[in-house]
C-alpha atoms as a PDB file:
ATOM      1  CA  UNK A   1      28.091  -9.830  25.903  1.00  0.00           C
ATOM      2  CA  UNK A   2      30.212 -10.361  29.003  1.00  0.00           C
ATOM      3  CA  UNK A   3      28.384 -11.309  32.175  1.00  0.00           C
ATOM      4  CA  UNK A   4      29.978 -11.466  35.624  1.00  0.00           C
ATOM      5  CA  UNK A   5      30.854 -14.958  36.774  1.00  0.00           C
ATOM      6  CA  UNK A   6      28.424 -16.693  39.081  1.00  0.00           C
ATOM      7  CA  UNK A   7      29.287 -16.484  42.762  1.00  0.00           C
ATOM      8  CA  UNK A   8      28.961 -19.273  45.301  1.00  0.00           C
ATOM      9  CA  UNK A   9      26.499 -17.198  47.285  1.00  0.00           C
ATOM     10  CA  UNK A  10      23.901 -14.724  46.147  1.00  0.00           C
ATOM     11  CA  UNK A  11      25.377 -11.244  45.845  1.00  0.00           C
ATOM     12  CA  UNK A  12      22.878  -8.472  45.236  1.00  0.00           C
ATOM     13  CA  UNK A  13      25.450  -6.167  43.612  1.00  0.00           C
ATOM     14  CA  UNK A  14      26.628  -8.860  41.187  1.00  0.00           C
ATOM     15  CA  UNK A  15      23.061  -9.731  40.217  1.00  0.00           C
ATOM     16  CA  UNK A  16      22.196  -6.051  39.717  1.00  0.00           C
ATOM     17  CA  UNK A  17      25.234  -5.654  37.454  1.00  0.00           C
ATOM     18  CA  UNK A  18      24.330  -8.804  35.502  1.00  0.00           C
ATOM     19  CA  UNK A  19      20.754  -7.580  35.006  1.00  0.00           C
ATOM     20  CA  UNK A  20      21.975  -4.188  33.798  1.00  0.00           C
ATOM     21  CA  UNK A  21      24.270  -5.805  31.204  1.00  0.00           C
ATOM     22  CA  UNK A  22      21.401  -7.988  29.948  1.00  0.00           C
ATOM     23  CA  UNK A  23      18.962  -5.055  29.798  1.00  0.00           C
ATOM     24  CA  UNK A  24      21.425  -2.861  27.870  1.00  0.00           C
ATOM     25  CA  UNK A  25      22.121  -5.652  25.367  1.00  0.00           C
ATOM     26  CA  UNK A  26      18.391  -6.299  24.988  1.00  0.00           C
ATOM     27  CA  UNK A  27      17.770  -2.636  24.127  1.00  0.00           C
ATOM     28  CA  UNK A  28      20.183  -2.949  21.196  1.00  0.00           C
ATOM     29  CA  UNK A  29      18.423  -5.887  19.556  1.00  0.00           C
ATOM     30  CA  UNK A  30      15.618  -5.814  17.004  1.00  0.00           C
ATOM     31  CA  UNK A  31      12.334  -7.215  18.216  1.00  0.00           C
ATOM     32  CA  UNK A  32       9.696  -8.928  16.114  1.00  0.00           C
ATOM     33  CA  UNK A  33       6.736  -6.804  15.045  1.00  0.00           C
ATOM     34  CA  UNK A  34       8.623  -3.526  15.666  1.00  0.00           C
ATOM     35  CA  UNK A  35       9.734  -0.951  13.131  1.00  0.00           C
ATOM     36  CA  UNK A  36      13.465  -0.837  12.482  1.00  0.00           C
ATOM     37  CA  UNK A  37      15.059   2.576  11.991  1.00  0.00           C
ATOM     38  CA  UNK A  38      18.708   2.537  11.023  1.00  0.00           C
ATOM     39  CA  UNK A  39      19.421   6.257  11.401  1.00  0.00           C
ATOM     40  CA  UNK A  40      22.996   7.179  10.471  1.00  0.00           C
ATOM     41  CA  UNK A  41      24.081   3.538  10.066  1.00  0.00           C
ATOM     42  CA  UNK A  42      24.227   1.852   6.666  1.00  0.00           C
ATOM     43  CA  UNK A  43      22.017  -0.966   5.415  1.00  0.00           C
ATOM     44  CA  UNK A  44      24.245  -3.570   3.781  1.00  0.00           C
ATOM     45  CA  UNK A  45      22.697  -6.540   1.960  1.00  0.00           C
ATOM     46  CA  UNK A  46      24.613  -9.540   0.657  1.00  0.00           C
ATOM     47  CA  UNK A  47      23.622 -11.210  -2.617  1.00  0.00           C
ATOM     48  CA  UNK A  48      23.728 -15.001  -3.099  1.00  0.00           C
ATOM     49  CA  UNK A  49      27.096 -14.686  -4.887  1.00  0.00           C
ATOM     50  CA  UNK A  50      28.570 -12.809  -1.916  1.00  0.00           C
ATOM     51  CA  UNK A  51      28.522  -9.277  -3.358  1.00  0.00           C
ATOM     52  CA  UNK A  52      27.694  -6.684  -0.724  1.00  0.00           C
ATOM     53  CA  UNK A  53      25.373  -3.758  -1.529  1.00  0.00           C
ATOM     54  CA  UNK A  54      24.658  -0.575   0.392  1.00  0.00           C
ATOM     55  CA  UNK A  55      20.987   0.402   0.109  1.00  0.00           C
ATOM     56  CA  UNK A  56      20.091   4.101   0.240  1.00  0.00           C
ATOM     57  CA  UNK A  57      16.930   6.162  -0.004  1.00  0.00           C
ATOM     58  CA  UNK A  58      16.711   9.768  -1.222  1.00  0.00           C
ATOM     59  CA  UNK A  59      14.337  12.490  -0.032  1.00  0.00           C
ATOM     60  CA  UNK A  60      11.747  11.426  -2.618  1.00  0.00           C
ATOM     61  CA  UNK A  61      11.738   7.829  -1.341  1.00  0.00           C
ATOM     62  CA  UNK A  62      13.693   6.422  -4.283  1.00  0.00           C
ATOM     63  CA  UNK A  63      15.877   3.444  -3.411  1.00  0.00           C
ATOM     64  CA  UNK A  64      19.316   2.820  -4.840  1.00  0.00           C
ATOM     65  CA  UNK A  65      21.996   0.200  -4.275  1.00  0.00           C
ATOM     66  CA  UNK A  66      25.734   0.354  -4.785  1.00  0.00           C
ATOM     67  CA  UNK A  67      28.414  -2.240  -4.251  1.00  0.00           C
ATOM     68  CA  UNK A  68      30.481  -1.862  -1.128  1.00  0.00           C
END
């Protein structure tokens, strides 16, 4: 996240821009106690030995994992 540098004096336009950047970044984060839907993105999990797995679900709800 890149925020505008602080100005010596209050500048309404700079503060509005800073707030917009923060709000947009906040919308992209996962919040506690909220459902997480991944959509078209992939869910990648990493095992303790470092192997990466892509987790998928089919239309019947069956889960599968494959190395990435």
